[in-house]
N, C-alpha and C. Protein backbone atom coordinates (compact mmCIF):
# COMPACT_ATOMS: atom_id res chain seq x y z
N MET A 1 13.36 -11.82 1.79
CA MET A 1 13.86 -12.86 0.91
C MET A 1 13.92 -14.18 1.68
N PRO A 2 13.85 -15.33 0.97
CA PRO A 2 13.96 -16.62 1.65
C PRO A 2 15.37 -16.84 2.16
N LEU A 3 15.48 -17.53 3.25
CA LEU A 3 16.78 -17.77 3.87
C LEU A 3 17.06 -19.27 3.93
N ASN A 4 18.28 -19.63 3.63
CA ASN A 4 18.70 -21.02 3.77
C ASN A 4 18.73 -21.36 5.27
N PRO A 5 17.93 -22.33 5.71
CA PRO A 5 17.89 -22.66 7.15
C PRO A 5 19.19 -23.23 7.69
N GLU A 6 20.13 -23.51 6.79
CA GLU A 6 21.43 -24.01 7.22
C GLU A 6 22.37 -22.87 7.63
N ARG A 7 21.91 -21.65 7.49
CA ARG A 7 22.71 -20.50 7.93
C ARG A 7 23.02 -20.61 9.43
N VAL A 8 24.19 -20.12 9.81
CA VAL A 8 24.64 -20.23 11.20
C VAL A 8 24.29 -18.97 11.98
N LEU A 9 23.82 -19.16 13.19
CA LEU A 9 23.52 -18.04 14.08
C LEU A 9 24.79 -17.57 14.79
N LEU A 10 24.85 -16.28 15.07
CA LEU A 10 25.98 -15.73 15.82
C LEU A 10 25.63 -15.72 17.31
N GLU A 11 25.21 -16.84 17.81
CA GLU A 11 24.75 -16.95 19.19
C GLU A 11 25.24 -18.26 19.78
N GLY A 12 25.56 -18.24 21.05
CA GLY A 12 25.95 -19.46 21.75
C GLY A 12 27.39 -19.85 21.51
N ALA A 13 27.76 -20.94 22.15
CA ALA A 13 29.14 -21.44 22.05
C ALA A 13 29.30 -22.24 20.76
N LYS A 14 30.52 -22.36 20.30
CA LYS A 14 30.81 -23.15 19.11
C LYS A 14 30.75 -24.63 19.44
N PRO A 15 30.28 -25.46 18.52
CA PRO A 15 29.74 -25.10 17.21
C PRO A 15 28.39 -24.40 17.34
N ARG A 16 28.25 -23.27 16.66
CA ARG A 16 27.04 -22.47 16.81
C ARG A 16 25.85 -23.11 16.11
N PRO A 17 24.67 -22.89 16.66
CA PRO A 17 23.47 -23.50 16.07
C PRO A 17 23.11 -22.88 14.73
N LYS A 18 22.31 -23.62 13.98
CA LYS A 18 21.83 -23.15 12.69
C LYS A 18 20.41 -22.62 12.83
N VAL A 19 19.99 -21.86 11.83
CA VAL A 19 18.65 -21.26 11.87
C VAL A 19 17.57 -22.32 12.01
N ARG A 20 17.76 -23.46 11.36
CA ARG A 20 16.74 -24.51 11.42
C ARG A 20 16.52 -25.03 12.84
N SER A 21 17.50 -24.86 13.70
CA SER A 21 17.33 -25.31 15.08
C SER A 21 16.29 -24.50 15.82
N LEU A 22 16.09 -23.25 15.39
CA LEU A 22 15.08 -22.39 16.03
C LEU A 22 13.67 -22.90 15.76
N ALA A 23 13.47 -23.45 14.56
CA ALA A 23 12.13 -23.91 14.18
C ALA A 23 11.67 -25.09 15.03
N LYS A 24 12.60 -25.89 15.53
CA LYS A 24 12.23 -27.09 16.28
C LYS A 24 11.53 -26.76 17.60
N GLY A 25 11.85 -25.62 18.17
CA GLY A 25 11.26 -25.29 19.47
C GLY A 25 10.03 -24.39 19.40
N LEU A 26 9.54 -24.11 18.21
CA LEU A 26 8.39 -23.22 18.06
C LEU A 26 7.10 -23.94 18.37
N ARG A 27 6.18 -23.23 19.03
CA ARG A 27 4.88 -23.79 19.40
C ARG A 27 3.77 -23.03 18.68
N ALA A 28 2.61 -23.66 18.61
CA ALA A 28 1.49 -23.13 17.84
C ALA A 28 1.06 -21.75 18.31
N GLU A 29 1.08 -21.51 19.63
CA GLU A 29 0.58 -20.23 20.16
C GLU A 29 1.45 -19.04 19.76
N ARG A 30 2.62 -19.28 19.24
CA ARG A 30 3.51 -18.19 18.84
C ARG A 30 3.27 -17.74 17.41
N PHE A 31 2.42 -18.46 16.68
CA PHE A 31 2.16 -18.14 15.28
C PHE A 31 0.88 -17.33 15.12
N THR A 32 0.92 -16.40 14.19
CA THR A 32 -0.22 -15.54 13.89
C THR A 32 -0.71 -15.79 12.47
N PRO A 33 -2.02 -15.96 12.25
CA PRO A 33 -2.52 -16.16 10.88
C PRO A 33 -2.39 -14.89 10.05
N VAL A 34 -1.98 -15.06 8.81
CA VAL A 34 -1.82 -13.95 7.87
C VAL A 34 -2.65 -14.27 6.63
N GLY A 35 -3.73 -13.53 6.41
CA GLY A 35 -4.59 -13.76 5.25
C GLY A 35 -4.19 -12.88 4.09
N LEU A 36 -3.99 -13.48 2.92
CA LEU A 36 -3.61 -12.74 1.72
C LEU A 36 -4.78 -12.73 0.74
N ASP A 37 -5.38 -11.58 0.57
CA ASP A 37 -6.49 -11.39 -0.35
C ASP A 37 -5.99 -10.51 -1.49
N PRO A 38 -6.09 -10.94 -2.77
CA PRO A 38 -5.56 -10.15 -3.88
C PRO A 38 -6.10 -8.73 -3.95
N GLY A 39 -7.32 -8.51 -3.45
CA GLY A 39 -7.94 -7.19 -3.57
C GLY A 39 -7.89 -6.34 -2.32
N ARG A 40 -7.16 -6.79 -1.29
CA ARG A 40 -7.13 -6.05 -0.04
C ARG A 40 -5.72 -6.04 0.53
N GLY A 41 -5.56 -5.23 1.57
CA GLY A 41 -4.26 -5.18 2.24
C GLY A 41 -3.50 -3.90 1.97
N PRO A 42 -2.46 -3.63 2.76
CA PRO A 42 -1.70 -2.38 2.64
C PRO A 42 -0.91 -2.27 1.34
N PHE A 43 -0.68 -3.38 0.64
CA PHE A 43 0.13 -3.35 -0.57
C PHE A 43 -0.70 -3.64 -1.82
N VAL A 44 -2.01 -3.41 -1.73
CA VAL A 44 -2.89 -3.75 -2.83
C VAL A 44 -2.57 -2.95 -4.09
N ALA A 45 -2.08 -1.71 -3.93
CA ALA A 45 -1.76 -0.88 -5.10
C ALA A 45 -0.57 -1.42 -5.88
N ARG A 46 0.22 -2.28 -5.27
CA ARG A 46 1.40 -2.85 -5.93
C ARG A 46 1.11 -4.19 -6.57
N ARG A 47 -0.13 -4.61 -6.51
CA ARG A 47 -0.47 -5.95 -6.98
C ARG A 47 -1.50 -5.84 -8.11
N ARG A 48 -1.25 -6.57 -9.19
CA ARG A 48 -2.22 -6.66 -10.27
C ARG A 48 -2.53 -8.13 -10.52
N VAL A 49 -3.80 -8.44 -10.56
CA VAL A 49 -4.23 -9.81 -10.80
C VAL A 49 -5.38 -9.79 -11.78
N ALA A 50 -5.67 -10.94 -12.36
CA ALA A 50 -6.81 -11.05 -13.26
C ALA A 50 -8.11 -10.79 -12.50
N ARG A 51 -9.07 -10.20 -13.17
CA ARG A 51 -10.33 -9.85 -12.50
C ARG A 51 -11.06 -11.07 -11.97
N ARG A 52 -10.83 -12.23 -12.60
CA ARG A 52 -11.51 -13.45 -12.12
C ARG A 52 -11.01 -13.87 -10.74
N ARG A 53 -9.86 -13.32 -10.32
CA ARG A 53 -9.32 -13.65 -9.00
C ARG A 53 -9.78 -12.67 -7.94
N LEU A 54 -10.73 -11.80 -8.30
CA LEU A 54 -11.26 -10.83 -7.35
C LEU A 54 -12.72 -11.14 -7.07
N GLY A 55 -13.23 -10.59 -5.98
CA GLY A 55 -14.64 -10.76 -5.68
C GLY A 55 -14.90 -11.68 -4.50
N PRO A 56 -16.18 -11.85 -4.16
CA PRO A 56 -16.55 -12.62 -2.96
C PRO A 56 -16.22 -14.10 -3.05
N LYS A 57 -16.06 -14.66 -4.27
CA LYS A 57 -15.81 -16.08 -4.41
C LYS A 57 -14.33 -16.45 -4.27
N VAL A 58 -13.49 -15.45 -4.25
CA VAL A 58 -12.06 -15.71 -4.14
C VAL A 58 -11.70 -16.15 -2.73
N LYS A 59 -10.95 -17.21 -2.62
CA LYS A 59 -10.54 -17.71 -1.31
C LYS A 59 -9.25 -17.03 -0.88
N THR A 60 -9.24 -16.56 0.35
CA THR A 60 -8.06 -15.93 0.90
C THR A 60 -7.02 -16.99 1.24
N ARG A 61 -5.80 -16.78 0.79
CA ARG A 61 -4.72 -17.69 1.16
C ARG A 61 -4.25 -17.34 2.57
N THR A 62 -4.18 -18.34 3.42
CA THR A 62 -3.81 -18.10 4.81
C THR A 62 -2.46 -18.74 5.13
N PHE A 63 -1.56 -17.94 5.65
CA PHE A 63 -0.28 -18.42 6.14
C PHE A 63 -0.24 -18.20 7.66
N HIS A 64 0.63 -18.90 8.32
CA HIS A 64 0.83 -18.73 9.75
C HIS A 64 2.29 -18.38 9.96
N ALA A 65 2.53 -17.26 10.63
CA ALA A 65 3.90 -16.75 10.71
C ALA A 65 4.29 -16.35 12.12
N HIS A 66 5.58 -16.47 12.38
CA HIS A 66 6.17 -16.06 13.65
C HIS A 66 7.52 -15.42 13.34
N SER A 67 7.83 -14.30 13.99
CA SER A 67 9.09 -13.61 13.70
C SER A 67 9.94 -13.47 14.97
N GLU A 68 11.24 -13.45 14.75
CA GLU A 68 12.21 -13.26 15.84
C GLU A 68 13.36 -12.40 15.33
N ARG A 69 13.90 -11.60 16.21
CA ARG A 69 15.07 -10.81 15.88
C ARG A 69 16.31 -11.59 16.30
N ARG A 70 17.20 -11.85 15.32
CA ARG A 70 18.36 -12.69 15.60
C ARG A 70 19.62 -12.14 14.92
N GLN A 71 20.76 -12.66 15.38
CA GLN A 71 22.05 -12.37 14.76
C GLN A 71 22.43 -13.57 13.90
N VAL A 72 22.59 -13.33 12.60
CA VAL A 72 22.90 -14.39 11.65
C VAL A 72 24.25 -14.12 11.01
N HIS A 73 25.05 -15.16 10.86
CA HIS A 73 26.38 -15.03 10.27
C HIS A 73 26.31 -14.41 8.88
N SER A 74 27.15 -13.42 8.62
CA SER A 74 27.26 -12.70 7.35
C SER A 74 26.09 -11.76 7.07
N LEU A 75 25.06 -11.82 7.90
CA LEU A 75 23.90 -10.94 7.71
C LEU A 75 23.77 -9.92 8.84
N GLY A 76 24.20 -10.29 10.02
CA GLY A 76 24.11 -9.38 11.16
C GLY A 76 22.77 -9.43 11.83
N ASP A 77 22.32 -8.28 12.33
CA ASP A 77 21.08 -8.16 13.09
C ASP A 77 19.90 -8.11 12.12
N VAL A 78 19.10 -9.17 12.08
CA VAL A 78 18.00 -9.27 11.12
C VAL A 78 16.75 -9.80 11.82
N ARG A 79 15.65 -9.74 11.09
CA ARG A 79 14.41 -10.34 11.57
C ARG A 79 14.12 -11.58 10.75
N LEU A 80 13.93 -12.70 11.44
CA LEU A 80 13.58 -13.96 10.80
C LEU A 80 12.08 -14.18 10.91
N VAL A 81 11.48 -14.65 9.85
CA VAL A 81 10.05 -14.95 9.85
C VAL A 81 9.87 -16.41 9.45
N PHE A 82 9.30 -17.19 10.35
CA PHE A 82 9.02 -18.60 10.10
C PHE A 82 7.58 -18.71 9.63
N SER A 83 7.40 -19.30 8.45
CA SER A 83 6.08 -19.33 7.83
C SER A 83 5.67 -20.74 7.44
N THR A 84 4.36 -20.99 7.51
CA THR A 84 3.81 -22.28 7.10
C THR A 84 2.36 -22.09 6.65
N LYS A 85 1.92 -22.94 5.72
CA LYS A 85 0.54 -22.93 5.28
C LYS A 85 -0.29 -23.95 6.07
N VAL A 86 0.40 -24.78 6.82
CA VAL A 86 -0.28 -25.78 7.66
C VAL A 86 -0.65 -25.13 8.99
N LYS A 87 -1.91 -25.17 9.33
CA LYS A 87 -2.36 -24.54 10.57
C LYS A 87 -1.73 -25.23 11.77
N PRO A 88 -1.00 -24.47 12.61
CA PRO A 88 -0.37 -25.07 13.79
C PRO A 88 -1.42 -25.56 14.79
N GLU A 89 -1.18 -26.71 15.34
CA GLU A 89 -2.08 -27.30 16.33
C GLU A 89 -1.39 -27.32 17.69
N PRO A 90 -2.10 -26.96 18.75
CA PRO A 90 -1.50 -26.99 20.09
C PRO A 90 -0.97 -28.37 20.45
N GLY A 91 0.23 -28.39 21.00
CA GLY A 91 0.82 -29.65 21.41
C GLY A 91 1.49 -30.42 20.30
N VAL A 92 1.46 -29.88 19.07
CA VAL A 92 2.07 -30.56 17.92
C VAL A 92 3.18 -29.67 17.37
N ALA A 93 4.31 -30.28 17.02
CA ALA A 93 5.42 -29.50 16.45
C ALA A 93 4.97 -28.80 15.17
N VAL A 94 5.34 -27.55 15.05
CA VAL A 94 4.94 -26.74 13.89
C VAL A 94 5.78 -27.15 12.68
N GLU A 95 5.11 -27.35 11.55
CA GLU A 95 5.80 -27.71 10.30
C GLU A 95 6.19 -26.42 9.56
N VAL A 96 7.36 -25.88 9.87
CA VAL A 96 7.81 -24.65 9.22
C VAL A 96 8.22 -24.97 7.79
N GLN A 97 7.59 -24.29 6.83
CA GLN A 97 7.83 -24.57 5.42
C GLN A 97 8.81 -23.59 4.78
N LYS A 98 8.91 -22.39 5.34
CA LYS A 98 9.79 -21.39 4.75
C LYS A 98 10.28 -20.44 5.83
N VAL A 99 11.54 -20.02 5.69
CA VAL A 99 12.11 -19.02 6.59
C VAL A 99 12.47 -17.80 5.75
N LEU A 100 11.92 -16.66 6.11
CA LEU A 100 12.20 -15.40 5.42
C LEU A 100 13.09 -14.54 6.30
N VAL A 101 13.84 -13.66 5.67
CA VAL A 101 14.74 -12.79 6.43
C VAL A 101 14.65 -11.37 5.86
N THR A 102 14.73 -10.39 6.73
CA THR A 102 14.74 -8.99 6.32
C THR A 102 15.61 -8.18 7.27
N ASN A 103 16.26 -7.16 6.70
CA ASN A 103 17.04 -6.26 7.56
C ASN A 103 16.20 -5.09 8.06
N ASP A 104 14.91 -5.07 7.63
CA ASP A 104 13.97 -4.08 8.15
C ASP A 104 13.37 -4.67 9.42
N ARG A 105 14.00 -4.42 10.53
CA ARG A 105 13.63 -5.09 11.77
C ARG A 105 12.33 -4.59 12.37
N LYS A 106 11.77 -3.50 11.82
CA LYS A 106 10.51 -2.97 12.32
C LYS A 106 9.30 -3.59 11.64
N ARG A 107 9.52 -4.33 10.56
CA ARG A 107 8.42 -4.95 9.84
C ARG A 107 7.80 -6.07 10.68
N THR A 108 6.48 -6.15 10.62
CA THR A 108 5.78 -7.25 11.29
C THR A 108 5.90 -8.51 10.44
N ALA A 109 5.62 -9.65 11.06
CA ALA A 109 5.65 -10.91 10.33
C ALA A 109 4.65 -10.91 9.18
N ALA A 110 3.47 -10.33 9.42
CA ALA A 110 2.45 -10.28 8.38
C ALA A 110 2.92 -9.45 7.18
N ALA A 111 3.57 -8.32 7.45
CA ALA A 111 4.05 -7.46 6.36
C ALA A 111 5.13 -8.15 5.55
N VAL A 112 6.03 -8.87 6.22
CA VAL A 112 7.11 -9.57 5.52
C VAL A 112 6.53 -10.65 4.61
N VAL A 113 5.56 -11.40 5.10
CA VAL A 113 4.94 -12.46 4.29
C VAL A 113 4.25 -11.86 3.07
N GLU A 114 3.53 -10.76 3.26
CA GLU A 114 2.81 -10.15 2.14
C GLU A 114 3.78 -9.55 1.12
N LEU A 115 4.86 -8.95 1.59
CA LEU A 115 5.86 -8.41 0.67
C LEU A 115 6.54 -9.52 -0.11
N TYR A 116 6.77 -10.65 0.54
CA TYR A 116 7.37 -11.77 -0.17
C TYR A 116 6.42 -12.29 -1.25
N ALA A 117 5.13 -12.31 -0.96
CA ALA A 117 4.15 -12.77 -1.95
C ALA A 117 4.11 -11.85 -3.16
N LEU A 118 4.48 -10.58 -2.99
CA LEU A 118 4.48 -9.64 -4.11
C LEU A 118 5.55 -9.98 -5.15
N ARG A 119 6.51 -10.83 -4.80
CA ARG A 119 7.53 -11.20 -5.76
C ARG A 119 6.94 -11.88 -6.99
N TRP A 120 5.73 -12.43 -6.85
CA TRP A 120 5.08 -13.07 -7.99
C TRP A 120 4.80 -12.06 -9.09
N GLN A 121 4.69 -10.79 -8.73
CA GLN A 121 4.47 -9.75 -9.74
C GLN A 121 5.62 -9.69 -10.74
N ILE A 122 6.82 -10.08 -10.32
CA ILE A 122 7.95 -10.10 -11.25
C ILE A 122 7.71 -11.13 -12.34
N GLU A 123 7.18 -12.30 -11.96
CA GLU A 123 6.89 -13.35 -12.93
C GLU A 123 5.80 -12.89 -13.91
N LEU A 124 4.80 -12.19 -13.39
CA LEU A 124 3.73 -11.67 -14.25
C LEU A 124 4.27 -10.62 -15.22
N PHE A 125 5.22 -9.83 -14.76
CA PHE A 125 5.84 -8.81 -15.59
C PHE A 125 6.50 -9.45 -16.81
N PHE A 126 7.29 -10.49 -16.61
CA PHE A 126 7.95 -11.15 -17.72
C PHE A 126 6.95 -11.89 -18.61
N LYS A 127 5.91 -12.43 -18.00
CA LYS A 127 4.89 -13.11 -18.79
C LYS A 127 4.20 -12.13 -19.74
N GLU A 128 3.88 -10.94 -19.26
CA GLU A 128 3.22 -9.96 -20.10
C GLU A 128 4.16 -9.42 -21.16
N LEU A 129 5.44 -9.27 -20.82
CA LEU A 129 6.41 -8.83 -21.82
C LEU A 129 6.47 -9.82 -22.98
N LYS A 130 6.38 -11.11 -22.68
CA LYS A 130 6.50 -12.12 -23.72
C LYS A 130 5.18 -12.37 -24.45
N SER A 131 4.11 -12.60 -23.69
CA SER A 131 2.86 -13.01 -24.33
C SER A 131 2.12 -11.87 -25.00
N THR A 132 2.23 -10.65 -24.48
CA THR A 132 1.49 -9.51 -25.03
C THR A 132 2.37 -8.59 -25.87
N LEU A 133 3.56 -8.30 -25.40
CA LEU A 133 4.41 -7.32 -26.07
C LEU A 133 5.50 -7.95 -26.93
N GLY A 134 5.55 -9.25 -27.02
CA GLY A 134 6.42 -9.92 -27.97
C GLY A 134 7.90 -9.88 -27.66
N LEU A 135 8.27 -9.91 -26.41
CA LEU A 135 9.68 -9.82 -26.05
C LEU A 135 10.51 -10.94 -26.70
N HIS A 136 9.92 -12.12 -26.84
CA HIS A 136 10.68 -13.28 -27.32
C HIS A 136 10.59 -13.47 -28.84
N ARG A 137 9.97 -12.56 -29.55
CA ARG A 137 9.70 -12.76 -30.98
C ARG A 137 10.74 -12.14 -31.91
N TYR A 138 11.83 -11.68 -31.38
CA TYR A 138 12.82 -11.05 -32.24
C TYR A 138 13.52 -12.11 -33.11
N ARG A 139 14.02 -11.67 -34.26
CA ARG A 139 14.75 -12.56 -35.17
C ARG A 139 16.11 -11.95 -35.52
N PHE A 140 16.60 -11.16 -34.63
CA PHE A 140 17.88 -10.50 -34.87
C PHE A 140 19.04 -11.40 -34.48
N ARG A 141 20.18 -11.13 -35.07
CA ARG A 141 21.39 -11.86 -34.74
C ARG A 141 22.41 -10.97 -34.05
N ARG A 142 22.29 -9.69 -34.23
CA ARG A 142 23.24 -8.76 -33.63
C ARG A 142 22.72 -8.32 -32.26
N PHE A 143 23.64 -8.34 -31.30
CA PHE A 143 23.25 -8.02 -29.92
C PHE A 143 22.67 -6.61 -29.82
N ARG A 144 23.23 -5.68 -30.57
CA ARG A 144 22.75 -4.30 -30.49
C ARG A 144 21.28 -4.20 -30.86
N LYS A 145 20.86 -4.98 -31.85
CA LYS A 145 19.46 -4.94 -32.28
C LYS A 145 18.56 -5.66 -31.28
N VAL A 146 19.07 -6.74 -30.70
CA VAL A 146 18.30 -7.43 -29.66
C VAL A 146 18.09 -6.51 -28.47
N GLU A 147 19.14 -5.80 -28.10
CA GLU A 147 19.06 -4.86 -26.98
C GLU A 147 18.02 -3.77 -27.27
N ALA A 148 18.01 -3.27 -28.50
CA ALA A 148 17.04 -2.24 -28.87
C ALA A 148 15.62 -2.78 -28.81
N TRP A 149 15.43 -4.05 -29.21
CA TRP A 149 14.10 -4.67 -29.15
C TRP A 149 13.61 -4.79 -27.72
N VAL A 150 14.50 -5.22 -26.82
CA VAL A 150 14.15 -5.33 -25.41
C VAL A 150 13.76 -3.97 -24.85
N ARG A 151 14.52 -2.95 -25.21
CA ARG A 151 14.21 -1.59 -24.74
C ARG A 151 12.85 -1.14 -25.25
N ALA A 152 12.53 -1.48 -26.50
CA ALA A 152 11.23 -1.10 -27.06
C ALA A 152 10.09 -1.74 -26.28
N CYS A 153 10.26 -3.02 -25.92
CA CYS A 153 9.24 -3.72 -25.14
C CYS A 153 9.08 -3.09 -23.76
N LEU A 154 10.19 -2.73 -23.13
CA LEU A 154 10.13 -2.12 -21.80
C LEU A 154 9.48 -0.74 -21.86
N VAL A 155 9.81 0.04 -22.88
CA VAL A 155 9.19 1.36 -23.03
C VAL A 155 7.68 1.21 -23.24
N ALA A 156 7.29 0.20 -24.04
CA ALA A 156 5.86 -0.03 -24.28
C ALA A 156 5.15 -0.38 -22.98
N PHE A 157 5.77 -1.24 -22.17
CA PHE A 157 5.16 -1.63 -20.90
C PHE A 157 5.02 -0.43 -19.97
N VAL A 158 6.05 0.39 -19.88
CA VAL A 158 6.01 1.58 -19.02
C VAL A 158 4.93 2.54 -19.49
N TYR A 159 4.82 2.69 -20.81
CA TYR A 159 3.77 3.58 -21.34
C TYR A 159 2.37 3.07 -20.96
N LEU A 160 2.15 1.77 -21.12
CA LEU A 160 0.85 1.20 -20.78
C LEU A 160 0.52 1.38 -19.30
N GLU A 161 1.52 1.21 -18.44
CA GLU A 161 1.30 1.42 -17.01
C GLU A 161 1.02 2.88 -16.71
N TRP A 162 1.73 3.77 -17.39
CA TRP A 162 1.47 5.21 -17.21
C TRP A 162 0.04 5.54 -17.63
N HIS A 163 -0.36 4.98 -18.77
CA HIS A 163 -1.72 5.23 -19.27
C HIS A 163 -2.77 4.68 -18.30
N ARG A 164 -2.53 3.47 -17.78
CA ARG A 164 -3.47 2.87 -16.83
C ARG A 164 -3.59 3.71 -15.57
N ALA A 165 -2.44 4.16 -15.02
CA ALA A 165 -2.46 4.97 -13.80
C ALA A 165 -3.18 6.30 -14.04
N ARG A 166 -2.97 6.87 -15.22
CA ARG A 166 -3.61 8.15 -15.54
C ARG A 166 -5.13 7.99 -15.60
N GLN A 167 -5.59 6.92 -16.23
CA GLN A 167 -7.04 6.70 -16.33
C GLN A 167 -7.63 6.33 -14.97
N TRP A 168 -6.90 5.56 -14.19
CA TRP A 168 -7.37 5.13 -12.88
C TRP A 168 -7.64 6.32 -11.97
N ARG A 169 -6.88 7.40 -12.14
CA ARG A 169 -7.01 8.58 -11.27
C ARG A 169 -8.05 9.58 -11.77
N ARG A 170 -8.73 9.27 -12.86
CA ARG A 170 -9.77 10.18 -13.36
C ARG A 170 -10.91 10.28 -12.36
N ARG A 171 -11.38 11.48 -12.10
CA ARG A 171 -12.43 11.70 -11.11
C ARG A 171 -13.83 11.42 -11.64
N ASP A 172 -13.96 11.32 -12.97
CA ASP A 172 -15.29 11.13 -13.55
C ASP A 172 -15.65 9.66 -13.75
N LEU A 173 -14.81 8.75 -13.28
CA LEU A 173 -15.06 7.32 -13.48
C LEU A 173 -16.08 6.79 -12.47
N SER A 174 -16.85 5.83 -12.92
CA SER A 174 -17.74 5.12 -11.99
C SER A 174 -16.90 4.17 -11.16
N ALA A 175 -17.49 3.64 -10.10
CA ALA A 175 -16.75 2.72 -9.24
C ALA A 175 -16.32 1.48 -10.01
N GLY A 176 -17.19 1.00 -10.90
CA GLY A 176 -16.86 -0.19 -11.69
C GLY A 176 -15.71 0.06 -12.64
N ASP A 177 -15.74 1.20 -13.35
CA ASP A 177 -14.66 1.53 -14.27
C ASP A 177 -13.35 1.74 -13.54
N ARG A 178 -13.43 2.33 -12.37
CA ARG A 178 -12.21 2.56 -11.59
C ARG A 178 -11.57 1.22 -11.21
N ARG A 179 -12.38 0.24 -10.83
CA ARG A 179 -11.85 -1.08 -10.48
C ARG A 179 -11.24 -1.75 -11.70
N ARG A 180 -11.88 -1.58 -12.86
CA ARG A 180 -11.34 -2.20 -14.08
C ARG A 180 -9.98 -1.61 -14.44
N TRP A 181 -9.85 -0.29 -14.31
CA TRP A 181 -8.56 0.32 -14.60
C TRP A 181 -7.51 -0.09 -13.57
N GLN A 182 -7.93 -0.26 -12.34
CA GLN A 182 -6.98 -0.65 -11.29
C GLN A 182 -6.38 -2.02 -11.57
N TRP A 183 -7.19 -2.97 -12.04
CA TRP A 183 -6.73 -4.33 -12.20
C TRP A 183 -6.41 -4.71 -13.64
N GLN A 184 -6.47 -3.75 -14.55
CA GLN A 184 -6.25 -4.07 -15.96
C GLN A 184 -4.84 -4.56 -16.21
N ARG A 185 -4.72 -5.55 -17.09
CA ARG A 185 -3.42 -6.10 -17.46
C ARG A 185 -3.01 -5.59 -18.84
N SER A 186 -1.83 -5.92 -19.27
CA SER A 186 -1.30 -5.38 -20.52
C SER A 186 -2.15 -5.76 -21.72
N TYR A 187 -2.66 -6.99 -21.76
CA TYR A 187 -3.46 -7.40 -22.91
C TYR A 187 -4.71 -6.53 -23.06
N GLY A 188 -5.41 -6.31 -21.94
CA GLY A 188 -6.59 -5.47 -21.99
C GLY A 188 -6.27 -4.03 -22.36
N LEU A 189 -5.13 -3.54 -21.90
CA LEU A 189 -4.72 -2.18 -22.23
C LEU A 189 -4.42 -2.05 -23.71
N CYS A 190 -3.84 -3.08 -24.30
CA CYS A 190 -3.50 -3.04 -25.73
C CYS A 190 -4.73 -3.16 -26.61
N TYR A 191 -5.67 -4.01 -26.22
CA TYR A 191 -6.75 -4.37 -27.14
C TYR A 191 -8.13 -3.91 -26.73
N GLY A 192 -8.27 -3.30 -25.55
CA GLY A 192 -9.62 -2.90 -25.22
C GLY A 192 -9.76 -1.79 -24.22
N GLY A 193 -8.65 -1.23 -23.70
CA GLY A 193 -8.76 -0.17 -22.71
C GLY A 193 -9.52 -0.65 -21.50
N ALA A 194 -10.35 0.21 -20.92
CA ALA A 194 -11.11 -0.14 -19.71
C ALA A 194 -12.23 -1.12 -20.01
N SER A 195 -12.73 -1.10 -21.27
CA SER A 195 -13.88 -1.94 -21.58
C SER A 195 -13.52 -3.42 -21.65
N GLY A 196 -12.23 -3.71 -21.98
CA GLY A 196 -11.83 -5.10 -22.12
C GLY A 196 -12.23 -5.70 -23.45
N ARG A 197 -12.86 -4.89 -24.37
CA ARG A 197 -13.28 -5.36 -25.68
C ARG A 197 -12.51 -4.59 -26.74
N ARG A 198 -11.99 -5.30 -27.68
CA ARG A 198 -11.10 -4.74 -28.68
C ARG A 198 -11.76 -3.61 -29.44
N GLY A 199 -11.02 -2.50 -29.54
CA GLY A 199 -11.44 -1.39 -30.38
C GLY A 199 -12.47 -0.47 -29.77
N GLU A 200 -12.80 -0.62 -28.49
CA GLU A 200 -13.81 0.21 -27.88
C GLU A 200 -13.19 1.25 -26.98
N GLY A 201 -13.75 2.44 -26.98
CA GLY A 201 -13.29 3.49 -26.07
C GLY A 201 -12.23 4.37 -26.69
N PRO A 202 -12.39 5.70 -26.62
CA PRO A 202 -11.42 6.61 -27.22
C PRO A 202 -10.07 6.57 -26.54
N ASP A 203 -10.01 6.06 -25.30
CA ASP A 203 -8.75 6.05 -24.57
C ASP A 203 -8.01 4.74 -24.69
N ALA A 204 -8.53 3.80 -25.48
CA ALA A 204 -7.88 2.51 -25.59
C ALA A 204 -6.63 2.63 -26.45
N PRO A 205 -5.46 2.35 -25.91
CA PRO A 205 -4.23 2.45 -26.69
C PRO A 205 -4.15 1.34 -27.72
N VAL A 206 -3.43 1.57 -28.79
CA VAL A 206 -3.24 0.56 -29.83
C VAL A 206 -2.01 -0.24 -29.51
N PRO A 207 -1.90 -1.47 -30.02
CA PRO A 207 -0.70 -2.27 -29.77
C PRO A 207 0.54 -1.56 -30.28
N LEU A 208 1.59 -1.59 -29.49
CA LEU A 208 2.82 -0.90 -29.85
C LEU A 208 3.85 -1.84 -30.45
N VAL A 209 4.07 -2.96 -29.80
CA VAL A 209 5.00 -3.95 -30.32
C VAL A 209 4.39 -5.32 -30.08
N GLY A 210 5.03 -6.34 -30.63
CA GLY A 210 4.54 -7.69 -30.38
C GLY A 210 4.13 -8.41 -31.64
N HIS A 211 3.91 -7.68 -32.76
CA HIS A 211 3.57 -8.34 -34.00
C HIS A 211 4.82 -8.87 -34.66
N GLU A 212 4.72 -10.01 -35.29
CA GLU A 212 5.89 -10.63 -35.88
C GLU A 212 6.45 -9.79 -37.02
N ASP A 213 5.58 -9.01 -37.69
CA ASP A 213 6.07 -8.17 -38.78
C ASP A 213 7.09 -7.17 -38.28
N GLY A 214 6.94 -6.74 -37.02
CA GLY A 214 7.85 -5.75 -36.49
C GLY A 214 9.10 -6.36 -35.90
N ALA A 215 9.14 -7.68 -35.85
CA ALA A 215 10.29 -8.34 -35.24
C ALA A 215 11.29 -8.85 -36.25
N LYS A 216 11.00 -8.67 -37.53
CA LYS A 216 11.90 -9.16 -38.56
C LYS A 216 13.06 -8.19 -38.76
N GLU A 217 14.19 -8.76 -38.99
CA GLU A 217 15.37 -7.93 -39.19
C GLU A 217 15.31 -7.32 -40.57
N ALA A 218 15.61 -6.03 -40.62
CA ALA A 218 15.59 -5.33 -41.90
C ALA A 218 16.67 -5.89 -42.82
N ALA A 219 16.36 -5.94 -44.07
CA ALA A 219 17.32 -6.48 -45.04
C ALA A 219 18.49 -5.52 -45.19
């Protein structure tokens, strides 16, 4: 998770230094480049992206990271990761753009940066709930009914993911079909299965929720 650089270290005499003071003394040679490719890496199975973001034309995002094990007030013994997208130059002060913190002290700086980047999947999750499954289309006034609508959307999303994982593990798939199932998003699952074209394929699930007709409150 990101850390406020104003946090106080449990080191040295009072007044104790802040985390941001550590960044001032960092040099370029202490930073390691971390390349993030949507289709590669140890956490690729946890990441779903649009197919247009995959392939040889996709540019790898590169971060530069350095980690240290420190004692931080209220957090205890943690690993700090100093990250920047600006390539560090020898003899020039490093422009640290973000400080990450984890209590998993065995994680490498590269792993922490990549895990932090996975947080974007949460934003995609809510986007798909709203744009594909109609989370925001309810017209209810009673909280109980709104709660039931939210549960229906979540159940639909879980079912689609279960269906995608089941198809992805089929042994009779070609390499191309396997990649399509791996990266398929909720819209494609609702309207086209692996083919990506509406109404094709016996395994293509039908839309479950999201139509405005289903969001109207019963009289």
